[in-house]
Protein backbone atom coordinates (compact mmCIF):
# COMPACT_ATOMS: atom_id res chain seq x y z
CA UNK A 1 17.36 -9.88 -0.21
CA UNK A 2 18.15 -10.88 -3.79
CA UNK A 3 15.54 -8.87 -5.68
CA UNK A 4 17.14 -9.84 -8.99
CA UNK A 5 16.23 -13.46 -8.28
CA UNK A 6 12.71 -12.47 -7.22
CA UNK A 7 12.08 -10.45 -10.40
CA UNK A 8 13.54 -13.18 -12.59
CA UNK A 9 11.03 -15.63 -11.12
CA UNK A 10 8.15 -13.22 -11.68
CA UNK A 11 9.20 -12.60 -15.27
CA UNK A 12 9.28 -16.34 -15.95
CA UNK A 13 5.90 -16.73 -14.25
CA UNK A 14 4.32 -14.07 -16.45
CA UNK A 15 5.49 -15.92 -19.56
CA UNK A 16 4.02 -19.14 -18.13
CA UNK A 17 1.03 -17.91 -16.16
CA UNK A 18 -0.70 -21.20 -15.48
CA UNK A 19 -1.02 -23.71 -12.67
CA UNK A 20 0.87 -26.45 -14.53
CA UNK A 21 4.02 -24.33 -14.76
CA UNK A 22 3.69 -23.12 -11.16
CA UNK A 23 3.31 -26.68 -9.87
CA UNK A 24 6.46 -27.69 -11.74
CA UNK A 25 8.38 -24.73 -10.26
CA UNK A 26 6.82 -24.76 -6.79
CA UNK A 27 10.18 -25.22 -5.05
CA UNK A 28 11.62 -22.17 -6.78
CA UNK A 29 8.54 -20.12 -5.89
CA UNK A 30 8.72 -21.12 -2.22
CA UNK A 31 12.41 -20.24 -2.02
CA UNK A 32 11.82 -16.77 -3.46
CA UNK A 33 8.73 -16.21 -1.32
CA UNK A 34 10.55 -17.31 1.86
CA UNK A 35 13.42 -14.92 1.08
CA UNK A 36 10.90 -12.10 0.72
CA UNK A 37 9.22 -13.07 4.00
CA UNK A 38 12.59 -13.04 5.77
CA UNK A 39 13.28 -9.56 4.35
CA UNK A 40 9.84 -8.43 5.54
CA UNK A 41 10.61 -9.77 9.02
CA UNK A 42 13.76 -7.64 9.15
CA UNK A 43 11.83 -4.61 7.90
CA UNK A 44 9.11 -5.27 10.46
CA UNK A 45 11.74 -5.05 13.20
CA UNK A 46 13.26 -1.86 11.75
CA UNK A 47 9.89 -0.13 11.47
CA UNK A 48 9.10 -0.97 15.09
CA UNK A 49 12.38 0.72 16.05
CA UNK A 50 11.43 4.04 14.42
CA UNK A 51 7.71 4.12 15.28
CA UNK A 52 6.60 3.52 18.88
CA UNK A 53 3.00 2.99 17.70
CA UNK A 54 3.94 0.46 15.04
CA UNK A 55 1.75 -2.66 14.97
CA UNK A 56 4.03 -5.72 14.66
CA UNK A 57 3.32 -7.58 11.43
CA UNK A 58 5.52 -10.61 10.70
CA UNK A 59 6.23 -11.30 7.06
CA UNK A 60 4.01 -14.37 6.88
CA UNK A 61 1.10 -12.32 8.19
CA UNK A 62 1.76 -9.33 5.96
CA UNK A 63 2.46 -11.03 2.63
CA UNK A 64 -0.40 -11.26 0.13
CA UNK A 65 -1.37 -14.30 -1.90
CA UNK A 66 0.20 -14.45 -5.35
CA UNK A 67 -3.00 -15.95 -6.79
CA UNK A 68 -5.47 -13.54 -8.34
CA UNK A 69 -9.08 -13.74 -7.16
CA UNK A 70 -10.66 -15.32 -10.24
CA UNK A 71 -14.07 -15.72 -8.61
CA UNK A 72 -14.79 -12.01 -8.89
CA UNK A 73 -12.32 -11.24 -11.70
CA UNK A 74 -12.29 -14.25 -14.07
CA UNK A 75 -10.59 -12.20 -16.79
CA UNK A 76 -7.38 -11.78 -14.78
CA UNK A 77 -4.30 -14.05 -15.09
CA UNK A 78 -4.06 -16.92 -12.63
CA UNK A 79 -1.09 -15.31 -10.85
CA UNK A 80 -0.12 -11.72 -10.08
CA UNK A 81 2.97 -10.11 -11.59
CA UNK A 82 4.24 -8.98 -8.19
CA UNK A 83 4.80 -9.83 -4.56
CA UNK A 84 2.87 -7.56 -2.22
CA UNK A 85 2.72 -7.15 1.55
CA UNK A 86 1.05 -4.92 4.12
CA UNK A 87 2.91 -3.96 7.29
CA UNK A 88 1.84 -1.96 10.37
CA UNK A 89 -1.37 -3.88 9.81
CA UNK A 90 -3.54 -3.36 12.87
CA UNK A 91 -7.01 -4.90 12.46
CA UNK A 92 -9.43 -2.62 10.67
CA UNK A 93 -6.87 0.02 9.71
CA UNK A 94 -5.00 1.08 6.59
CA UNK A 95 -1.55 -0.48 6.30
CA UNK A 96 1.83 0.38 4.80
CA UNK A 97 1.96 -1.47 1.48
CA UNK A 98 5.01 -2.74 -0.39
CA UNK A 99 4.81 -4.06 -3.95
CA UNK A 100 7.75 -5.54 -5.83
CA UNK A 101 6.78 -6.49 -9.36
CA UNK A 102 7.72 -6.86 -12.98
CA UNK A 103 5.65 -3.96 -14.22
CA UNK A 104 5.61 -1.77 -11.12
CA UNK A 105 7.32 -1.43 -7.77
CA UNK A 106 5.80 0.94 -5.25
CA UNK A 107 5.31 1.93 -1.65
CA UNK A 108 1.80 2.97 -0.69
CA UNK A 109 -0.53 3.44 2.24
CA UNK A 110 -3.98 4.54 3.28
CA UNK A 111 -7.36 3.10 2.41
CA UNK A 112 -8.37 1.86 -1.04
CA UNK A 113 -12.13 2.25 -1.50
CA UNK A 114 -13.01 1.76 2.18
CA UNK A 115 -16.40 0.37 3.10
CA UNK A 116 -19.26 2.88 3.59
CA UNK A 117 -18.84 3.04 7.37
CA UNK A 118 -15.12 3.83 7.20
CA UNK A 119 -15.59 6.25 4.33
CA UNK A 120 -18.22 8.12 6.32
CA UNK A 121 -15.85 8.32 9.31
CA UNK A 122 -13.09 9.77 7.14
CA UNK A 123 -15.42 12.35 5.68
CA UNK A 124 -16.64 13.28 9.16
CA UNK A 125 -13.02 13.78 10.24
CA UNK A 126 -12.46 16.05 7.25
CA UNK A 127 -15.64 17.94 8.08
CA UNK A 128 -14.45 18.39 11.67
CA UNK A 129 -10.76 19.09 11.02
CA UNK A 130 -10.01 19.04 7.32
CA UNK A 131 -7.35 21.71 7.73
CA UNK A 132 -5.05 19.17 9.36
CA UNK A 133 -5.31 16.79 6.39
CA UNK A 134 -4.77 19.65 3.95
CA UNK A 135 -1.64 20.63 5.88
CA UNK A 136 -0.33 17.06 5.66
CA UNK A 137 -1.04 16.77 1.94
CA UNK A 138 0.53 20.15 1.18
CA UNK A 139 3.75 19.61 3.12
CA UNK A 140 6.58 20.12 0.60
CA UNK A 141 8.28 16.78 1.35
CA UNK A 142 4.97 14.95 1.14
CA UNK A 143 4.02 16.55 -2.17
CA UNK A 144 7.46 15.88 -3.62
CA UNK A 145 7.29 12.21 -2.68
CA UNK A 146 3.63 11.37 -3.36
CA UNK A 147 2.24 14.22 -5.43
CA UNK A 148 -1.20 13.96 -3.90
CA UNK A 149 -3.94 11.47 -3.23
CA UNK A 150 -4.04 8.37 -5.41
CA UNK A 151 -6.33 9.11 -8.36
CA UNK A 152 -9.48 7.02 -8.36
CA UNK A 153 -13.18 7.44 -9.08
CA UNK A 154 -14.75 10.37 -7.24
CA UNK A 155 -18.19 11.80 -6.61
CA UNK A 156 -19.33 14.57 -8.92
CA UNK A 157 -21.10 16.43 -6.13
CA UNK A 158 -21.00 16.73 -2.35
CA UNK A 159 -21.59 13.48 -0.42
CA UNK A 160 -25.05 13.15 1.08
CA UNK A 161 -25.29 15.11 4.31
CA UNK A 162 -22.35 17.42 3.58
CA UNK A 163 -22.50 21.09 2.63
CA UNK A 164 -21.94 21.66 -1.13
CA UNK A 165 -20.06 24.81 -0.12
CA UNK A 166 -17.74 22.95 2.27
CA UNK A 167 -14.16 24.37 2.11
CA UNK A 168 -12.77 20.82 1.69
CA UNK A 169 -15.42 19.71 -0.80
CA UNK A 170 -12.87 18.29 -3.24
CA UNK A 171 -11.41 16.06 -0.53
CA UNK A 172 -14.87 14.93 0.54
CA UNK A 173 -15.63 13.73 -2.98
CA UNK A 174 -12.91 11.08 -2.85
CA UNK A 175 -13.77 7.39 -2.50
CA UNK A 176 -10.15 6.34 -2.04
CA UNK A 177 -7.79 7.91 0.49
CA UNK A 178 -4.35 6.56 -0.33
CA UNK A 179 -0.96 7.72 -1.54
CA UNK A 180 1.80 5.93 -3.41
CA UNK A 181 5.25 6.46 -4.83
CA UNK A 182 6.84 4.40 -7.57
CA UNK A 183 10.19 2.73 -7.00
CA UNK A 184 12.61 2.42 -9.90
CA UNK A 185 14.55 -0.75 -10.64
CA UNK A 186 17.72 1.16 -9.78
CA UNK A 187 16.37 2.16 -6.37
CA UNK A 188 15.22 -1.39 -5.69
CA UNK A 189 18.65 -2.83 -6.43
CA UNK A 190 20.58 -0.19 -4.46
CA UNK A 191 22.28 -1.20 -1.21
CA UNK A 192 20.32 1.48 0.68
CA UNK A 193 16.87 0.40 -0.54
CA UNK A 194 15.72 -0.46 2.97
CA UNK A 195 16.75 3.03 4.13
CA UNK A 196 14.53 4.45 1.39
CA UNK A 197 11.62 2.32 2.59
CA UNK A 198 12.07 3.60 6.16
CA UNK A 199 12.20 7.20 4.92
CA UNK A 200 9.01 6.81 2.88
CA UNK A 201 7.29 5.16 5.84
CA UNK A 202 8.09 8.13 8.07
CA UNK A 203 6.99 10.66 5.43
CA UNK A 204 3.68 8.82 4.99
CA UNK A 205 3.01 8.31 8.68
CA UNK A 206 1.09 11.55 9.49
CA UNK A 207 -1.30 10.82 6.62
CA UNK A 208 -1.89 7.22 7.68
CA UNK A 209 -2.30 8.20 11.32
CA UNK A 210 -4.93 10.80 10.38
CA UNK A 211 -6.97 8.20 8.49
CA UNK A 212 -6.60 5.47 11.08
CA UNK A 213 -7.63 7.76 13.90
CA UNK A 214 -10.67 8.79 11.85
CA UNK A 215 -11.88 5.21 11.45
CA UNK A 216 -11.00 3.89 14.92
CA UNK A 217 -11.69 6.71 17.37
């Protein structure tokens, strides 16, 4: 995958973030997007090799639209400054997310502001066996890679129906249960970048499995 070519396109797009420019450069966009999809297909195969529970997600299914949703966010640019994709994307679960962009490249996973039903299921799992999640989050390799949960808005007090003295109260206050690690331009361009992606996937897996079991079982 020629990520230099992909980033060059995104940089040009951000300087010309309008439909007229995109229409004139549609062929270039499709070539870059198809290259990324092909790379995702290869990664999809590799992830299935290392995880027997992996949910096959071809690149065309995993890749996100490059258009921003202007209906709900009219202040945003017409197009995003990145290509994003979700793999291991079983219906109704949190996926493994890859973002390659001008301003930020990252690998992430979990659930970003899940709906009330899923959020309640996660909190019930923490109430029942929060020690397991704490163990995952505090593992030295996990903390070194991700630091902790992705910082987002939180409750100021215990969720309704949960004990204010709960030993995992701080976890219960979260509205987002996700982790992420930034990828440098140097790492992205390295010949072993895919190996890094596979390593991060494996390090994140216990966390993602905990959440997905909470919302599906």
